[in-house]
């Protein structure tokens, strides 16, 4: 999806990383980059808002039930794999959390 307007960050990249943004799994620089895009792109902001509502609805309807840690970890890994399939990003785990950096030329996953 693209709105047809030129942006610093491509619409497809932003939409591929919406859940990382919602889950606060982006590094500070990438977070700022994605949010700048959302401020200037109405279609992406609308999609972000929809995904945010879905996340809120899921949290509310689950009634605070927590999935087993093993399932939680499998879901996180699958979400990361899906993001890597949809956009050319590299994921680097640091002591303070997960940092996502755009890499236009190849996909690479590193674990510390």
N, C-alpha and C. Protein backbone atom coordinates (compact mmCIF):
# COMPACT_ATOMS: atom_id res chain seq x y z
N UNK A 1 0.84 -1.18 0.00
CA UNK A 1 0.00 0.00 0.00
C UNK A 1 0.88 1.23 0.00
N UNK A 2 0.53 2.17 -0.78
CA UNK A 2 1.23 3.44 -0.80
C UNK A 2 0.20 4.53 -1.07
N UNK A 3 0.36 5.65 -0.40
CA UNK A 3 -0.59 6.75 -0.60
C UNK A 3 -0.24 7.56 -1.85
N UNK A 4 0.90 7.26 -2.46
CA UNK A 4 1.30 7.98 -3.66
C UNK A 4 2.11 9.23 -3.40
N UNK A 5 2.24 9.62 -2.16
CA UNK A 5 3.02 10.79 -1.80
C UNK A 5 4.43 10.36 -1.41
N UNK A 6 5.44 11.20 -1.69
CA UNK A 6 6.80 10.85 -1.27
C UNK A 6 6.97 11.04 0.24
N UNK A 7 7.59 10.07 0.88
CA UNK A 7 7.84 10.12 2.32
C UNK A 7 9.27 9.66 2.58
N UNK A 8 9.79 10.08 3.71
CA UNK A 8 11.12 9.62 4.14
C UNK A 8 11.10 8.09 4.30
N UNK A 9 10.02 7.57 4.84
CA UNK A 9 9.86 6.13 5.05
C UNK A 9 8.68 5.66 4.21
N UNK A 10 8.87 4.60 3.46
CA UNK A 10 7.84 4.06 2.59
C UNK A 10 6.64 3.55 3.39
N UNK A 11 5.45 3.75 2.85
CA UNK A 11 4.22 3.32 3.52
C UNK A 11 4.24 1.82 3.84
N UNK A 12 4.71 1.00 2.89
CA UNK A 12 4.75 -0.45 3.12
C UNK A 12 5.63 -0.80 4.32
N UNK A 13 6.75 -0.11 4.48
CA UNK A 13 7.62 -0.34 5.64
C UNK A 13 6.91 0.01 6.94
N UNK A 14 6.23 1.14 6.93
CA UNK A 14 5.53 1.59 8.14
C UNK A 14 4.45 0.57 8.52
N UNK A 15 3.67 0.15 7.54
CA UNK A 15 2.58 -0.79 7.84
C UNK A 15 3.12 -2.15 8.26
N UNK A 16 4.27 -2.55 7.75
CA UNK A 16 4.87 -3.83 8.15
C UNK A 16 5.34 -3.77 9.60
N UNK A 17 5.60 -2.57 10.11
CA UNK A 17 6.13 -2.43 11.46
C UNK A 17 5.12 -1.85 12.46
N UNK A 18 3.86 -1.77 12.07
CA UNK A 18 2.84 -1.18 12.94
C UNK A 18 2.79 -1.88 14.30
N UNK A 19 2.80 -3.20 14.31
CA UNK A 19 2.69 -3.91 15.60
C UNK A 19 3.94 -3.72 16.44
N UNK A 20 5.11 -3.61 15.82
CA UNK A 20 6.32 -3.31 16.58
C UNK A 20 6.20 -1.95 17.23
N UNK A 21 5.63 -1.00 16.51
CA UNK A 21 5.42 0.34 17.04
C UNK A 21 4.41 0.31 18.19
N UNK A 22 3.30 -0.40 17.98
CA UNK A 22 2.28 -0.50 19.02
C UNK A 22 2.81 -1.17 20.29
N UNK A 23 3.68 -2.16 20.11
CA UNK A 23 4.23 -2.90 21.24
C UNK A 23 5.49 -2.26 21.82
N UNK A 24 5.83 -1.09 21.29
CA UNK A 24 7.01 -0.35 21.75
C UNK A 24 8.28 -1.19 21.64
N UNK A 25 8.42 -1.87 20.52
CA UNK A 25 9.58 -2.72 20.29
C UNK A 25 10.56 -2.10 19.30
N UNK A 26 10.33 -0.87 18.91
CA UNK A 26 11.24 -0.17 18.00
C UNK A 26 12.26 0.61 18.82
N UNK A 27 13.42 0.78 18.25
CA UNK A 27 14.39 1.67 18.87
C UNK A 27 13.89 3.10 18.79
N UNK A 28 14.48 3.98 19.57
CA UNK A 28 14.02 5.37 19.62
C UNK A 28 14.02 6.04 18.25
N UNK A 29 15.10 5.84 17.50
CA UNK A 29 15.22 6.49 16.19
C UNK A 29 14.16 5.96 15.22
N UNK A 30 13.97 4.65 15.20
CA UNK A 30 12.98 4.06 14.29
C UNK A 30 11.57 4.46 14.71
N UNK A 31 11.32 4.48 16.00
CA UNK A 31 10.02 4.90 16.52
C UNK A 31 9.70 6.31 16.03
N UNK A 32 10.68 7.22 16.17
CA UNK A 32 10.48 8.61 15.74
C UNK A 32 10.23 8.68 14.23
N UNK A 33 10.97 7.89 13.47
CA UNK A 33 10.81 7.86 12.02
C UNK A 33 9.40 7.41 11.63
N UNK A 34 8.93 6.34 12.26
CA UNK A 34 7.59 5.82 11.95
C UNK A 34 6.51 6.81 12.35
N UNK A 35 6.67 7.43 13.51
CA UNK A 35 5.67 8.39 13.98
C UNK A 35 5.64 9.65 13.10
N UNK A 36 6.80 10.07 12.59
CA UNK A 36 6.83 11.20 11.65
C UNK A 36 6.01 10.86 10.41
N UNK A 37 6.19 9.63 9.93
CA UNK A 37 5.44 9.20 8.76
C UNK A 37 3.94 9.23 9.05
N UNK A 38 3.53 8.73 10.20
CA UNK A 38 2.11 8.70 10.56
C UNK A 38 1.52 10.11 10.64
N UNK A 39 2.33 11.08 11.07
CA UNK A 39 1.84 12.46 11.16
C UNK A 39 1.57 13.06 9.79
N UNK A 40 2.28 12.60 8.77
CA UNK A 40 2.11 13.20 7.44
C UNK A 40 1.33 12.33 6.47
N UNK A 41 0.95 11.12 6.86
CA UNK A 41 0.27 10.20 5.93
C UNK A 41 -1.05 9.72 6.52
N UNK A 42 -2.14 10.30 6.04
CA UNK A 42 -3.47 9.95 6.53
C UNK A 42 -3.84 8.48 6.40
N UNK A 43 -3.60 7.83 5.24
CA UNK A 43 -3.96 6.42 5.10
C UNK A 43 -3.21 5.52 6.09
N UNK A 44 -1.94 5.79 6.31
CA UNK A 44 -1.17 4.97 7.26
C UNK A 44 -1.64 5.23 8.69
N UNK A 45 -1.95 6.49 8.99
CA UNK A 45 -2.46 6.82 10.32
C UNK A 45 -3.78 6.11 10.58
N UNK A 46 -4.63 6.06 9.58
CA UNK A 46 -5.91 5.35 9.73
C UNK A 46 -5.67 3.87 9.99
N UNK A 47 -4.75 3.27 9.26
CA UNK A 47 -4.43 1.84 9.45
C UNK A 47 -3.84 1.61 10.83
N UNK A 48 -2.96 2.51 11.26
CA UNK A 48 -2.38 2.43 12.60
C UNK A 48 -3.49 2.49 13.65
N UNK A 49 -4.44 3.41 13.46
CA UNK A 49 -5.55 3.55 14.40
C UNK A 49 -6.39 2.29 14.46
N UNK A 50 -6.62 1.67 13.33
CA UNK A 50 -7.38 0.42 13.29
C UNK A 50 -6.64 -0.68 14.05
N UNK A 51 -5.34 -0.82 13.81
CA UNK A 51 -4.56 -1.84 14.50
C UNK A 51 -4.51 -1.57 16.00
N UNK A 52 -4.45 -0.29 16.37
CA UNK A 52 -4.44 0.08 17.78
C UNK A 52 -5.76 -0.33 18.45
N UNK A 53 -6.88 -0.12 17.73
CA UNK A 53 -8.18 -0.53 18.27
C UNK A 53 -8.28 -2.04 18.41
N UNK A 54 -7.74 -2.77 17.44
CA UNK A 54 -7.73 -4.23 17.51
C UNK A 54 -6.95 -4.68 18.74
N UNK A 55 -5.80 -4.09 18.95
CA UNK A 55 -4.98 -4.44 20.11
C UNK A 55 -5.72 -4.15 21.42
N UNK A 56 -6.36 -3.00 21.49
CA UNK A 56 -7.13 -2.63 22.68
C UNK A 56 -8.29 -3.60 22.91
N UNK A 57 -9.00 -3.93 21.84
CA UNK A 57 -10.11 -4.87 21.93
C UNK A 57 -9.63 -6.24 22.40
N UNK A 58 -8.53 -6.70 21.86
CA UNK A 58 -7.98 -8.00 22.28
C UNK A 58 -7.62 -7.97 23.76
N UNK A 59 -7.00 -6.90 24.21
CA UNK A 59 -6.62 -6.78 25.62
C UNK A 59 -7.85 -6.78 26.52
N UNK A 60 -8.89 -6.07 26.07
CA UNK A 60 -10.11 -5.97 26.88
C UNK A 60 -10.87 -7.28 26.92
N UNK A 61 -10.99 -7.96 25.79
CA UNK A 61 -11.79 -9.18 25.73
C UNK A 61 -11.08 -10.39 26.33
N UNK A 62 -9.78 -10.30 26.47
CA UNK A 62 -9.06 -11.42 27.10
C UNK A 62 -9.21 -11.38 28.61
N UNK A 63 -9.78 -10.31 29.12
CA UNK A 63 -10.09 -10.22 30.55
C UNK A 63 -8.88 -10.34 31.46
N UNK A 64 -7.72 -9.98 30.98
CA UNK A 64 -6.54 -10.05 31.81
C UNK A 64 -5.91 -11.42 31.86
N UNK A 65 -6.50 -12.40 31.17
CA UNK A 65 -5.89 -13.72 31.13
C UNK A 65 -4.54 -13.61 30.45
N UNK A 66 -3.58 -14.30 30.98
CA UNK A 66 -2.24 -14.27 30.41
C UNK A 66 -1.94 -15.62 29.78
N UNK A 67 -1.46 -15.56 28.55
CA UNK A 67 -1.07 -16.79 27.86
C UNK A 67 0.16 -17.37 28.54
N UNK A 68 0.32 -18.68 28.44
CA UNK A 68 1.54 -19.29 28.99
C UNK A 68 2.78 -18.67 28.34
N UNK A 69 3.85 -18.57 29.10
CA UNK A 69 5.07 -17.94 28.60
C UNK A 69 5.56 -18.56 27.30
N UNK A 70 5.45 -19.86 27.18
CA UNK A 70 5.90 -20.54 25.97
C UNK A 70 5.10 -20.07 24.74
N UNK A 71 3.79 -19.97 24.88
CA UNK A 71 2.96 -19.48 23.79
C UNK A 71 3.27 -18.03 23.48
N UNK A 72 3.45 -17.23 24.51
CA UNK A 72 3.79 -15.82 24.35
C UNK A 72 5.07 -15.68 23.53
N UNK A 73 6.08 -16.47 23.87
CA UNK A 73 7.36 -16.40 23.15
C UNK A 73 7.20 -16.84 21.70
N UNK A 74 6.43 -17.90 21.45
CA UNK A 74 6.21 -18.38 20.08
C UNK A 74 5.50 -17.32 19.24
N UNK A 75 4.53 -16.65 19.83
CA UNK A 75 3.80 -15.59 19.11
C UNK A 75 4.73 -14.42 18.78
N UNK A 76 5.56 -14.03 19.73
CA UNK A 76 6.50 -12.93 19.48
C UNK A 76 7.45 -13.29 18.35
N UNK A 77 7.94 -14.52 18.36
CA UNK A 77 8.86 -14.96 17.30
C UNK A 77 8.16 -14.97 15.95
N UNK A 78 6.91 -15.41 15.92
CA UNK A 78 6.16 -15.46 14.66
C UNK A 78 5.88 -14.05 14.13
N UNK A 79 5.54 -13.13 15.03
CA UNK A 79 5.31 -11.74 14.63
C UNK A 79 6.58 -11.16 14.04
N UNK A 80 7.71 -11.40 14.70
CA UNK A 80 8.98 -10.90 14.18
C UNK A 80 9.28 -11.50 12.80
N UNK A 81 9.05 -12.80 12.65
CA UNK A 81 9.30 -13.46 11.36
C UNK A 81 8.42 -12.85 10.28
N UNK A 82 7.17 -12.57 10.60
CA UNK A 82 6.24 -11.97 9.64
C UNK A 82 6.72 -10.58 9.23
N UNK A 83 7.16 -9.80 10.21
CA UNK A 83 7.67 -8.47 9.91
C UNK A 83 8.88 -8.57 8.99
N UNK A 84 9.76 -9.51 9.26
CA UNK A 84 10.95 -9.67 8.42
C UNK A 84 10.59 -10.11 7.01
N UNK A 85 9.52 -10.87 6.87
CA UNK A 85 9.07 -11.28 5.55
C UNK A 85 8.46 -10.11 4.77
N UNK A 86 7.81 -9.19 5.46
CA UNK A 86 7.09 -8.11 4.80
C UNK A 86 7.95 -6.88 4.54
N UNK A 87 9.04 -6.74 5.22
CA UNK A 87 9.90 -5.56 5.04
C UNK A 87 11.34 -5.97 5.21
N UNK A 88 12.20 -5.24 4.60
CA UNK A 88 13.62 -5.53 4.76
C UNK A 88 14.12 -4.80 5.99
N UNK A 89 14.08 -5.49 7.12
CA UNK A 89 14.56 -4.93 8.37
C UNK A 89 15.48 -5.94 9.03
N UNK A 90 16.33 -5.45 9.88
CA UNK A 90 17.12 -6.34 10.71
C UNK A 90 16.69 -6.12 12.15
N UNK A 91 16.71 -7.17 12.94
CA UNK A 91 16.30 -7.08 14.33
C UNK A 91 17.50 -7.41 15.19
N UNK A 92 17.81 -6.51 16.10
CA UNK A 92 18.94 -6.73 16.98
C UNK A 92 18.47 -6.63 18.42
N UNK A 93 18.74 -7.64 19.22
CA UNK A 93 18.34 -7.64 20.62
C UNK A 93 19.49 -7.06 21.44
N UNK A 94 19.17 -6.06 22.26
CA UNK A 94 20.16 -5.45 23.11
C UNK A 94 19.76 -5.67 24.56
N UNK A 95 20.62 -5.27 25.47
CA UNK A 95 20.32 -5.44 26.90
C UNK A 95 19.08 -4.66 27.31
N UNK A 96 18.80 -3.55 26.63
CA UNK A 96 17.66 -2.71 27.00
C UNK A 96 16.38 -3.05 26.24
N UNK A 97 16.44 -3.99 25.29
CA UNK A 97 15.24 -4.35 24.53
C UNK A 97 15.59 -4.68 23.10
N UNK A 98 14.58 -4.70 22.25
CA UNK A 98 14.78 -5.01 20.84
C UNK A 98 14.82 -3.74 20.03
N UNK A 99 15.82 -3.62 19.18
CA UNK A 99 15.98 -2.47 18.32
C UNK A 99 15.75 -2.92 16.89
N UNK A 100 14.90 -2.23 16.14
CA UNK A 100 14.64 -2.56 14.75
C UNK A 100 15.28 -1.49 13.89
N UNK A 101 16.09 -1.92 12.94
CA UNK A 101 16.75 -0.99 12.04
C UNK A 101 16.43 -1.38 10.61
N UNK A 102 16.16 -0.41 9.75
CA UNK A 102 15.88 -0.69 8.35
C UNK A 102 17.18 -1.01 7.63
N UNK A 103 17.14 -2.04 6.83
CA UNK A 103 18.28 -2.43 6.01
C UNK A 103 17.74 -2.69 4.62
N UNK A 104 17.89 -1.75 3.71
CA UNK A 104 17.29 -1.82 2.38
C UNK A 104 17.86 -2.93 1.52
N UNK A 105 19.07 -3.39 1.77
CA UNK A 105 19.72 -4.31 0.85
C UNK A 105 19.55 -5.78 1.20
N UNK A 106 19.37 -6.12 2.45
CA UNK A 106 19.22 -7.53 2.81
C UNK A 106 18.52 -7.65 4.15
N UNK A 107 18.04 -8.84 4.44
CA UNK A 107 17.41 -9.11 5.72
C UNK A 107 18.40 -9.90 6.55
N UNK A 108 18.56 -9.48 7.77
CA UNK A 108 19.52 -10.15 8.62
C UNK A 108 19.00 -10.13 10.04
N UNK A 109 19.13 -11.25 10.75
CA UNK A 109 18.69 -11.33 12.14
C UNK A 109 19.88 -11.70 12.98
N UNK A 110 20.13 -10.92 14.01
CA UNK A 110 21.24 -11.20 14.91
C UNK A 110 20.72 -11.26 16.32
N UNK A 111 21.21 -12.17 17.10
CA UNK A 111 20.83 -12.26 18.52
C UNK A 111 22.06 -12.14 19.38
N UNK A 112 21.92 -11.40 20.47
CA UNK A 112 23.06 -11.25 21.36
C UNK A 112 23.01 -12.27 22.48
